[in-house]
Amino acid sequence: GALRRHGGGIGEVKRMYTREAARGLGVGGEILGRVEALAR
């Protein structure tokens, strides 16, 4: 997953993906949390 920065203090969550074998393990939620923590 990625954080893309835009003007005006806006960040965009991009390219979120979890491979099928790892789904249900919390990978997406953890990456989203890291994106948010960096944005903050």
PDB file of all heavy atoms in Angstrom:
ATOM      1  N   GLY A   1       0.860  -1.173   0.000  1.00  0.00           N
ATOM      2  CA  GLY A   1       0.000   0.000   0.000  1.00  0.00           C
ATOM      3  C   GLY A   1       0.897   1.224   0.000  1.00  0.00           C
ATOM      4  O   GLY A   1       2.091   1.118   0.277  1.00  0.00           O
ATOM      5  N   ALA A   2       0.322   2.368  -0.330  1.00  0.00           N
ATOM      6  CA  ALA A   2       1.151   3.561  -0.434  1.00  0.00           C
ATOM      7  C   ALA A   2       0.406   4.803   0.030  1.00  0.00           C
ATOM      8  O   ALA A   2      -0.825   4.859  -0.012  1.00  0.00           O
ATOM      9  CB  ALA A   2       1.617   3.748  -1.882  1.00  0.00           C
ATOM     10  N   LEU A   3       1.187   5.780   0.441  1.00  0.00           N
ATOM     11  CA  LEU A   3       0.703   7.120   0.762  1.00  0.00           C
ATOM     12  C   LEU A   3       1.232   8.052  -0.316  1.00  0.00           C
ATOM     13  O   LEU A   3       2.449   8.181  -0.496  1.00  0.00           O
ATOM     14  CB  LEU A   3       1.212   7.593   2.127  1.00  0.00           C
ATOM     15  CG  LEU A   3       0.971   9.071   2.459  1.00  0.00           C
ATOM     16  CD1 LEU A   3      -0.519   9.392   2.519  1.00  0.00           C
ATOM     17  CD2 LEU A   3       1.674   9.442   3.757  1.00  0.00           C
ATOM     18  N   ARG A   4       0.305   8.692  -1.040  1.00  0.00           N
ATOM     19  CA  ARG A   4       0.677   9.714  -2.027  1.00  0.00           C
ATOM     20  C   ARG A   4       0.206  11.056  -1.490  1.00  0.00           C
ATOM     21  O   ARG A   4      -0.944  11.210  -1.097  1.00  0.00           O
ATOM     22  CB  ARG A   4       0.022   9.427  -3.370  1.00  0.00           C
ATOM     23  CG  ARG A   4       0.476  10.367  -4.464  1.00  0.00           C
ATOM     24  CD  ARG A   4      -0.136   9.971  -5.779  1.00  0.00           C
ATOM     25  NE  ARG A   4       0.565  10.598  -6.877  1.00  0.00           N
ATOM     26  CZ  ARG A   4       0.223  10.467  -8.141  1.00  0.00           C
ATOM     27  NH1 ARG A   4      -0.807   9.703  -8.466  1.00  0.00           N
ATOM     28  NH2 ARG A   4       0.897  11.079  -9.084  1.00  0.00           N
ATOM     29  N   ARG A   5       1.126  12.017  -1.459  1.00  0.00           N
ATOM     30  CA  ARG A   5       0.817  13.323  -0.912  1.00  0.00           C
ATOM     31  C   ARG A   5       0.329  14.274  -1.998  1.00  0.00           C
ATOM     32  O   ARG A   5       0.902  14.313  -3.084  1.00  0.00           O
ATOM     33  CB  ARG A   5       2.049  13.905  -0.230  1.00  0.00           C
ATOM     34  CG  ARG A   5       2.472  13.088   0.985  1.00  0.00           C
ATOM     35  CD  ARG A   5       3.994  13.158   1.144  1.00  0.00           C
ATOM     36  NE  ARG A   5       4.466  12.212   2.128  1.00  0.00           N
ATOM     37  CZ  ARG A   5       4.892  10.987   1.814  1.00  0.00           C
ATOM     38  NH1 ARG A   5       4.877  10.560   0.566  1.00  0.00           N
ATOM     39  NH2 ARG A   5       5.328  10.177   2.760  1.00  0.00           N
ATOM     40  N   HIS A   6      -0.724  15.031  -1.674  1.00  0.00           N
ATOM     41  CA  HIS A   6      -1.271  16.054  -2.567  1.00  0.00           C
ATOM     42  C   HIS A   6      -1.213  17.384  -1.833  1.00  0.00           C
ATOM     43  O   HIS A   6      -0.997  17.434  -0.624  1.00  0.00           O
ATOM     44  CB  HIS A   6      -2.718  15.712  -2.939  1.00  0.00           C
ATOM     45  CG  HIS A   6      -2.845  14.464  -3.752  1.00  0.00           C
ATOM     46  ND1 HIS A   6      -2.791  14.450  -5.130  1.00  0.00           N
ATOM     47  CD2 HIS A   6      -3.016  13.173  -3.377  1.00  0.00           C
ATOM     48  CE1 HIS A   6      -2.925  13.205  -5.567  1.00  0.00           C
ATOM     49  NE2 HIS A   6      -3.062  12.412  -4.526  1.00  0.00           N
ATOM     50  N   GLY A   7      -1.468  18.465  -2.534  1.00  0.00           N
ATOM     51  CA  GLY A   7      -1.500  19.781  -1.909  1.00  0.00           C
ATOM     52  C   GLY A   7      -2.655  19.896  -0.919  1.00  0.00           C
ATOM     53  O   GLY A   7      -3.558  19.061  -0.883  1.00  0.00           O
ATOM     54  N   GLY A   8      -2.599  20.926  -0.110  1.00  0.00           N
ATOM     55  CA  GLY A   8      -3.672  21.213   0.825  1.00  0.00           C
ATOM     56  C   GLY A   8      -3.751  20.269   2.007  1.00  0.00           C
ATOM     57  O   GLY A   8      -4.798  20.157   2.642  1.00  0.00           O
ATOM     58  N   GLY A   9      -2.665  19.562   2.298  1.00  0.00           N
ATOM     59  CA  GLY A   9      -2.657  18.662   3.450  1.00  0.00           C
ATOM     60  C   GLY A   9      -3.431  17.378   3.249  1.00  0.00           C
ATOM     61  O   GLY A   9      -3.850  16.744   4.205  1.00  0.00           O
ATOM     62  N   ILE A  10      -3.589  16.976   1.979  1.00  0.00           N
ATOM     63  CA  ILE A  10      -4.344  15.763   1.660  1.00  0.00           C
ATOM     64  C   ILE A  10      -3.385  14.640   1.280  1.00  0.00           C
ATOM     65  O   ILE A  10      -2.490  14.810   0.451  1.00  0.00           O
ATOM     66  CB  ILE A  10      -5.322  16.006   0.494  1.00  0.00           C
ATOM     67  CG1 ILE A  10      -6.284  17.150   0.811  1.00  0.00           C
ATOM     68  CG2 ILE A  10      -6.068  14.731   0.110  1.00  0.00           C
ATOM     69  CD1 ILE A  10      -7.181  16.892   1.997  1.00  0.00           C
ATOM     70  N   GLY A  11      -3.597  13.486   1.870  1.00  0.00           N
ATOM     71  CA  GLY A  11      -2.866  12.286   1.499  1.00  0.00           C
ATOM     72  C   GLY A  11      -3.839  11.318   0.847  1.00  0.00           C
ATOM     73  O   GLY A  11      -5.023  11.294   1.182  1.00  0.00           O
ATOM     74  N   GLU A  12      -3.336  10.542  -0.086  1.00  0.00           N
ATOM     75  CA  GLU A  12      -4.175   9.567  -0.776  1.00  0.00           C
ATOM     76  C   GLU A  12      -3.635   8.168  -0.525  1.00  0.00           C
ATOM     77  O   GLU A  12      -2.439   7.924  -0.671  1.00  0.00           O
ATOM     78  CB  GLU A  12      -4.191   9.865  -2.270  1.00  0.00           C
ATOM     79  CG  GLU A  12      -5.074   8.928  -3.063  1.00  0.00           C
ATOM     80  CD  GLU A  12      -5.061   9.212  -4.552  1.00  0.00           C
ATOM     81  OE1 GLU A  12      -4.231  10.011  -5.029  1.00  0.00           O
ATOM     82  OE2 GLU A  12      -5.889   8.605  -5.260  1.00  0.00           O
ATOM     83  N   VAL A  13      -4.520   7.257  -0.177  1.00  0.00           N
ATOM     84  CA  VAL A  13      -4.161   5.852  -0.015  1.00  0.00           C
ATOM     85  C   VAL A  13      -4.192   5.231  -1.409  1.00  0.00           C
ATOM     86  O   VAL A  13      -5.199   5.311  -2.113  1.00  0.00           O
ATOM     87  CB  VAL A  13      -5.162   5.133   0.922  1.00  0.00           C
ATOM     88  CG1 VAL A  13      -4.808   3.658   1.042  1.00  0.00           C
ATOM     89  CG2 VAL A  13      -5.196   5.811   2.286  1.00  0.00           C
ATOM     90  N   LYS A  14      -3.097   4.607  -1.807  1.00  0.00           N
ATOM     91  CA  LYS A  14      -2.980   4.032  -3.149  1.00  0.00           C
ATOM     92  C   LYS A  14      -2.424   2.612  -3.085  1.00  0.00           C
ATOM     93  O   LYS A  14      -1.761   2.237  -2.128  1.00  0.00           O
ATOM     94  CB  LYS A  14      -2.017   4.877  -4.010  1.00  0.00           C
ATOM     95  CG  LYS A  14      -2.482   6.260  -4.353  1.00  0.00           C
ATOM     96  CD  LYS A  14      -3.652   6.292  -5.302  1.00  0.00           C
ATOM     97  CE  LYS A  14      -3.288   5.860  -6.701  1.00  0.00           C
ATOM     98  NZ  LYS A  14      -4.420   5.928  -7.638  1.00  0.00           N
ATOM     99  N   ARG A  15      -2.694   1.844  -4.115  1.00  0.00           N
ATOM    100  CA  ARG A  15      -2.082   0.551  -4.410  1.00  0.00           C
ATOM    101  C   ARG A  15      -2.161  -0.454  -3.260  1.00  0.00           C
ATOM    102  O   ARG A  15      -1.234  -1.228  -3.027  1.00  0.00           O
ATOM    103  CB  ARG A  15      -0.637   0.712  -4.860  1.00  0.00           C
ATOM    104  CG  ARG A  15      -0.360   1.684  -5.974  1.00  0.00           C
ATOM    105  CD  ARG A  15      -1.037   1.614  -7.322  1.00  0.00           C
ATOM    106  NE  ARG A  15      -1.925   0.561  -7.699  1.00  0.00           N
ATOM    107  CZ  ARG A  15      -1.855  -0.135  -8.843  1.00  0.00           C
ATOM    108  NH1 ARG A  15      -0.890   0.083  -9.681  1.00  0.00           N
ATOM    109  NH2 ARG A  15      -2.752  -1.026  -9.135  1.00  0.00           N
ATOM    110  N   MET A  16      -3.281  -0.472  -2.569  1.00  0.00           N
ATOM    111  CA  MET A  16      -3.497  -1.435  -1.488  1.00  0.00           C
ATOM    112  C   MET A  16      -3.769  -2.812  -2.091  1.00  0.00           C
ATOM    113  O   MET A  16      -4.671  -2.961  -2.931  1.00  0.00           O
ATOM    114  CB  MET A  16      -4.675  -1.007  -0.626  1.00  0.00           C
ATOM    115  CG  MET A  16      -4.436   0.249   0.197  1.00  0.00           C
ATOM    116  SD  MET A  16      -3.329  -0.004   1.583  1.00  0.00           S
ATOM    117  CE  MET A  16      -4.305  -1.077   2.620  1.00  0.00           C
ATOM    118  N   TYR A  17      -3.012  -3.817  -1.641  1.00  0.00           N
ATOM    119  CA  TYR A  17      -3.182  -5.167  -2.165  1.00  0.00           C
ATOM    120  C   TYR A  17      -2.586  -6.181  -1.198  1.00  0.00           C
ATOM    121  O   TYR A  17      -1.514  -5.952  -0.639  1.00  0.00           O
ATOM    122  CB  TYR A  17      -2.494  -5.304  -3.529  1.00  0.00           C
ATOM    123  CG  TYR A  17      -2.592  -6.680  -4.129  1.00  0.00           C
ATOM    124  CD1 TYR A  17      -3.816  -7.217  -4.499  1.00  0.00           C
ATOM    125  CD2 TYR A  17      -1.457  -7.454  -4.322  1.00  0.00           C
ATOM    126  CE1 TYR A  17      -3.908  -8.488  -5.050  1.00  0.00           C
ATOM    127  CE2 TYR A  17      -1.536  -8.717  -4.882  1.00  0.00           C
ATOM    128  CZ  TYR A  17      -2.766  -9.229  -5.242  1.00  0.00           C
ATOM    129  OH  TYR A  17      -2.859 -10.489  -5.788  1.00  0.00           O
ATOM    130  N   THR A  18      -3.288  -7.280  -1.025  1.00  0.00           N
ATOM    131  CA  THR A  18      -2.780  -8.410  -0.250  1.00  0.00           C
ATOM    132  C   THR A  18      -2.899  -9.662  -1.109  1.00  0.00           C
ATOM    133  O   THR A  18      -3.967  -9.945  -1.655  1.00  0.00           O
ATOM    134  CB  THR A  18      -3.581  -8.607   1.054  1.00  0.00           C
ATOM    135  OG1 THR A  18      -3.514  -7.405   1.831  1.00  0.00           O
ATOM    136  CG2 THR A  18      -3.033  -9.763   1.874  1.00  0.00           C
ATOM    137  N   ARG A  19      -1.802 -10.391  -1.212  1.00  0.00           N
ATOM    138  CA  ARG A  19      -1.835 -11.654  -1.970  1.00  0.00           C
ATOM    139  C   ARG A  19      -2.811 -12.622  -1.322  1.00  0.00           C
ATOM    140  O   ARG A  19      -2.991 -12.629  -0.102  1.00  0.00           O
ATOM    141  CB  ARG A  19      -0.442 -12.271  -2.033  1.00  0.00           C
ATOM    142  CG  ARG A  19       0.447 -11.559  -3.005  1.00  0.00           C
ATOM    143  CD  ARG A  19       1.753 -12.279  -3.219  1.00  0.00           C
ATOM    144  NE  ARG A  19       2.348 -11.849  -4.474  1.00  0.00           N
ATOM    145  CZ  ARG A  19       3.653 -11.686  -4.659  1.00  0.00           C
ATOM    146  NH1 ARG A  19       4.497 -11.937  -3.674  1.00  0.00           N
ATOM    147  NH2 ARG A  19       4.111 -11.291  -5.822  1.00  0.00           N
ATOM    148  N   GLU A  20      -3.424 -13.450  -2.141  1.00  0.00           N
ATOM    149  CA  GLU A  20      -4.482 -14.355  -1.678  1.00  0.00           C
ATOM    150  C   GLU A  20      -4.050 -15.203  -0.490  1.00  0.00           C
ATOM    151  O   GLU A  20      -4.804 -15.377   0.466  1.00  0.00           O
ATOM    152  CB  GLU A  20      -4.948 -15.245  -2.836  1.00  0.00           C
ATOM    153  CG  GLU A  20      -6.187 -16.027  -2.499  1.00  0.00           C
ATOM    154  CD  GLU A  20      -6.785 -16.728  -3.686  1.00  0.00           C
ATOM    155  OE1 GLU A  20      -6.532 -16.330  -4.830  1.00  0.00           O
ATOM    156  OE2 GLU A  20      -7.522 -17.707  -3.442  1.00  0.00           O
ATOM    157  N   ALA A  21      -2.839 -15.718  -0.506  1.00  0.00           N
ATOM    158  CA  ALA A  21      -2.364 -16.598   0.577  1.00  0.00           C
ATOM    159  C   ALA A  21      -2.267 -15.878   1.921  1.00  0.00           C
ATOM    160  O   ALA A  21      -2.253 -16.529   2.964  1.00  0.00           O
ATOM    161  CB  ALA A  21      -1.002 -17.188   0.207  1.00  0.00           C
ATOM    162  N   ALA A  22      -2.210 -14.553   1.902  1.00  0.00           N
ATOM    163  CA  ALA A  22      -2.058 -13.789   3.145  1.00  0.00           C
ATOM    164  C   ALA A  22      -3.339 -13.077   3.562  1.00  0.00           C
ATOM    165  O   ALA A  22      -3.344 -12.368   4.575  1.00  0.00           O
ATOM    166  CB  ALA A  22      -0.930 -12.774   2.979  1.00  0.00           C
ATOM    167  N   ARG A  23      -4.414 -13.262   2.834  1.00  0.00           N
ATOM    168  CA  ARG A  23      -5.666 -12.585   3.178  1.00  0.00           C
ATOM    169  C   ARG A  23      -6.222 -13.135   4.485  1.00  0.00           C
ATOM    170  O   ARG A  23      -6.097 -14.309   4.787  1.00  0.00           O
ATOM    171  CB  ARG A  23      -6.669 -12.721   2.044  1.00  0.00           C
ATOM    172  CG  ARG A  23      -6.193 -11.920   0.836  1.00  0.00           C
ATOM    173  CD  ARG A  23      -7.152 -11.878  -0.298  1.00  0.00           C
ATOM    174  NE  ARG A  23      -6.472 -11.210  -1.416  1.00  0.00           N
ATOM    175  CZ  ARG A  23      -6.721 -11.447  -2.671  1.00  0.00           C
ATOM    176  NH1 ARG A  23      -7.661 -12.308  -3.014  1.00  0.00           N
ATOM    177  NH2 ARG A  23      -6.053 -10.805  -3.610  1.00  0.00           N
ATOM    178  N   GLY A  24      -6.811 -12.248   5.263  1.00  0.00           N
ATOM    179  CA  GLY A  24      -7.368 -12.640   6.551  1.00  0.00           C
ATOM    180  C   GLY A  24      -6.379 -12.559   7.700  1.00  0.00           C
ATOM    181  O   GLY A  24      -6.733 -12.844   8.842  1.00  0.00           O
ATOM    182  N   LEU A  25      -5.149 -12.160   7.411  1.00  0.00           N
ATOM    183  CA  LEU A  25      -4.113 -12.078   8.445  1.00  0.00           C
ATOM    184  C   LEU A  25      -3.945 -10.670   9.015  1.00  0.00           C
ATOM    185  O   LEU A  25      -3.132 -10.464   9.910  1.00  0.00           O
ATOM    186  CB  LEU A  25      -2.766 -12.550   7.892  1.00  0.00           C
ATOM    187  CG  LEU A  25      -2.714 -13.980   7.356  1.00  0.00           C
ATOM    188  CD1 LEU A  25      -1.350 -14.267   6.738  1.00  0.00           C
ATOM    189  CD2 LEU A  25      -3.024 -14.966   8.474  1.00  0.00           C
ATOM    190  N   GLY A  26      -4.670  -9.705   8.470  1.00  0.00           N
ATOM    191  CA  GLY A  26      -4.544  -8.338   8.934  1.00  0.00           C
ATOM    192  C   GLY A  26      -3.517  -7.506   8.186  1.00  0.00           C
ATOM    193  O   GLY A  26      -3.181  -6.403   8.631  1.00  0.00           O
ATOM    194  N   VAL A  27      -3.032  -8.006   7.066  1.00  0.00           N
ATOM    195  CA  VAL A  27      -2.010  -7.294   6.293  1.00  0.00           C
ATOM    196  C   VAL A  27      -2.531  -5.934   5.837  1.00  0.00           C
ATOM    197  O   VAL A  27      -1.884  -4.905   6.029  1.00  0.00           O
ATOM    198  CB  VAL A  27      -1.534  -8.139   5.088  1.00  0.00           C
ATOM    199  CG1 VAL A  27      -0.660  -7.322   4.141  1.00  0.00           C
ATOM    200  CG2 VAL A  27      -0.794  -9.382   5.564  1.00  0.00           C
ATOM    201  N   GLY A  28      -3.720  -5.906   5.231  1.00  0.00           N
ATOM    202  CA  GLY A  28      -4.277  -4.655   4.732  1.00  0.00           C
ATOM    203  C   GLY A  28      -4.494  -3.641   5.832  1.00  0.00           C
ATOM    204  O   GLY A  28      -4.159  -2.461   5.685  1.00  0.00           O
ATOM    205  N   GLY A  29      -5.046  -4.086   6.954  1.00  0.00           N
ATOM    206  CA  GLY A  29      -5.283  -3.179   8.072  1.00  0.00           C
ATOM    207  C   GLY A  29      -3.993  -2.621   8.639  1.00  0.00           C
ATOM    208  O   GLY A  29      -3.916  -1.443   9.004  1.00  0.00           O
ATOM    209  N   GLU A  30      -2.963  -3.450   8.717  1.00  0.00           N
ATOM    210  CA  GLU A  30      -1.673  -2.989   9.239  1.00  0.00           C
ATOM    211  C   GLU A  30      -1.039  -1.967   8.299  1.00  0.00           C
ATOM    212  O   GLU A  30      -0.524  -0.932   8.745  1.00  0.00           O
ATOM    213  CB  GLU A  30      -0.726  -4.173   9.444  1.00  0.00           C
ATOM    214  CG  GLU A  30       0.636  -3.790   9.978  1.00  0.00           C
ATOM    215  CD  GLU A  30       0.620  -3.202  11.382  1.00  0.00           C
ATOM    216  OE1 GLU A  30      -0.323  -3.469  12.156  1.00  0.00           O
ATOM    217  OE2 GLU A  30       1.567  -2.463  11.710  1.00  0.00           O
ATOM    218  N   ILE A  31      -1.081  -2.247   7.005  1.00  0.00           N
ATOM    219  CA  ILE A  31      -0.512  -1.296   6.045  1.00  0.00           C
ATOM    220  C   ILE A  31      -1.296   0.009   6.086  1.00  0.00           C
ATOM    221  O   ILE A  31      -0.708   1.092   6.100  1.00  0.00           O
ATOM    222  CB  ILE A  31      -0.469  -1.900   4.629  1.00  0.00           C
ATOM    223  CG1 ILE A  31       0.586  -3.011   4.586  1.00  0.00           C
ATOM    224  CG2 ILE A  31      -0.178  -0.826   3.582  1.00  0.00           C
ATOM    225  CD1 ILE A  31       0.617  -3.815   3.308  1.00  0.00           C
ATOM    226  N   LEU A  32      -2.617  -0.068   6.127  1.00  0.00           N
ATOM    227  CA  LEU A  32      -3.435   1.142   6.210  1.00  0.00           C
ATOM    228  C   LEU A  32      -3.082   1.932   7.473  1.00  0.00           C
ATOM    229  O   LEU A  32      -2.978   3.166   7.431  1.00  0.00           O
ATOM    230  CB  LEU A  32      -4.916   0.786   6.189  1.00  0.00           C
ATOM    231  CG  LEU A  32      -5.890   1.955   6.138  1.00  0.00           C
ATOM    232  CD1 LEU A  32      -5.697   2.785   4.874  1.00  0.00           C
ATOM    233  CD2 LEU A  32      -7.325   1.448   6.228  1.00  0.00           C
ATOM    234  N   GLY A  33      -2.862   1.241   8.567  1.00  0.00           N
ATOM    235  CA  GLY A  33      -2.456   1.905   9.805  1.00  0.00           C
ATOM    236  C   GLY A  33      -1.116   2.611   9.668  1.00  0.00           C
ATOM    237  O   GLY A  33      -0.919   3.708  10.203  1.00  0.00           O
ATOM    238  N   ARG A  34      -0.193   2.002   8.948  1.00  0.00           N
ATOM    239  CA  ARG A  34       1.121   2.628   8.731  1.00  0.00           C
ATOM    240  C   ARG A  34       0.992   3.864   7.850  1.00  0.00           C
ATOM    241  O   ARG A  34       1.656   4.878   8.087  1.00  0.00           O
ATOM    242  CB  ARG A  34       2.097   1.629   8.104  1.00  0.00           C
ATOM    243  CG  ARG A  34       2.394   0.419   8.944  1.00  0.00           C
ATOM    244  CD  ARG A  34       3.252   0.778  10.162  1.00  0.00           C
ATOM    245  NE  ARG A  34       3.531  -0.400  10.925  1.00  0.00           N
ATOM    246  CZ  ARG A  34       4.650  -1.125  10.841  1.00  0.00           C
ATOM    247  NH1 ARG A  34       5.610  -0.768  10.024  1.00  0.00           N
ATOM    248  NH2 ARG A  34       4.800  -2.209  11.582  1.00  0.00           N
ATOM    249  N   VAL A  35       0.144   3.772   6.818  1.00  0.00           N
ATOM    250  CA  VAL A  35      -0.096   4.930   5.954  1.00  0.00           C
ATOM    251  C   VAL A  35      -0.650   6.080   6.792  1.00  0.00           C
ATOM    252  O   VAL A  35      -0.172   7.216   6.712  1.00  0.00           O
ATOM    253  CB  VAL A  35      -1.060   4.560   4.797  1.00  0.00           C
ATOM    254  CG1 VAL A  35      -1.578   5.801   4.091  1.00  0.00           C
ATOM    255  CG2 VAL A  35      -0.384   3.614   3.812  1.00  0.00           C
ATOM    256  N   GLU A  36      -1.642   5.789   7.624  1.00  0.00           N
ATOM    257  CA  GLU A  36      -2.248   6.819   8.460  1.00  0.00           C
ATOM    258  C   GLU A  36      -1.243   7.397   9.451  1.00  0.00           C
ATOM    259  O   GLU A  36      -1.186   8.617   9.653  1.00  0.00           O
ATOM    260  CB  GLU A  36      -3.454   6.276   9.207  1.00  0.00           C
ATOM    261  CG  GLU A  36      -4.110   7.337  10.071  1.00  0.00           C
ATOM    262  CD  GLU A  36      -5.353   6.865  10.777  1.00  0.00           C
ATOM    263  OE1 GLU A  36      -6.001   5.900  10.336  1.00  0.00           O
ATOM    264  OE2 GLU A  36      -5.700   7.495  11.813  1.00  0.00           O
ATOM    265  N   ALA A  37      -0.441   6.549  10.076  1.00  0.00           N
ATOM    266  CA  ALA A  37       0.539   7.036  11.046  1.00  0.00           C
ATOM    267  C   ALA A  37       1.531   7.989  10.386  1.00  0.00           C
ATOM    268  O   ALA A  37       1.863   9.038  10.952  1.00  0.00           O
ATOM    269  CB  ALA A  37       1.268   5.853  11.697  1.00  0.00           C
ATOM    270  N   LEU A  38       1.994   7.668   9.197  1.00  0.00           N
ATOM    271  CA  LEU A  38       2.926   8.546   8.490  1.00  0.00           C
ATOM    272  C   LEU A  38       2.233   9.857   8.114  1.00  0.00           C
ATOM    273  O   LEU A  38       2.818  10.939   8.258  1.00  0.00           O
ATOM    274  CB  LEU A  38       3.479   7.853   7.247  1.00  0.00           C
ATOM    275  CG  LEU A  38       4.462   8.681   6.415  1.00  0.00           C
ATOM    276  CD1 LEU A  38       5.667   9.122   7.244  1.00  0.00           C
ATOM    277  CD2 LEU A  38       4.897   7.891   5.184  1.00  0.00           C
ATOM    278  N   ALA A  39       0.994   9.770   7.647  1.00  0.00           N
ATOM    279  CA  ALA A  39       0.248  10.984   7.289  1.00  0.00           C
ATOM    280  C   ALA A  39       0.092  11.892   8.509  1.00  0.00           C
ATOM    281  O   ALA A  39       0.272  13.115   8.415  1.00  0.00           O
ATOM    282  CB  ALA A  39      -1.116  10.608   6.716  1.00  0.00           C
ATOM    283  N   ARG A  40      -0.231  11.316   9.651  1.00  0.00           N
ATOM    284  CA  ARG A  40      -0.360  12.110  10.876  1.00  0.00           C
ATOM    285  C   ARG A  40       0.981  12.715  11.270  1.00  0.00           C
ATOM    286  O   ARG A  40       1.064  13.892  11.642  1.00  0.00           O
ATOM    287  CB  ARG A  40      -0.902  11.251  12.011  1.00  0.00           C
ATOM    288  CG  ARG A  40      -2.375  10.942  11.888  1.00  0.00           C
ATOM    289  CD  ARG A  40      -2.855  10.107  13.092  1.00  0.00           C
ATOM    290  NE  ARG A  40      -4.247   9.739  12.960  1.00  0.00           N
ATOM    291  CZ  ARG A  40      -5.272  10.550  13.239  1.00  0.00           C
ATOM    292  NH1 ARG A  40      -5.048  11.772  13.672  1.00  0.00           N
ATOM    293  NH2 ARG A  40      -6.513  10.133  13.092  1.00  0.00           N
TER     294      ARG A  40
END
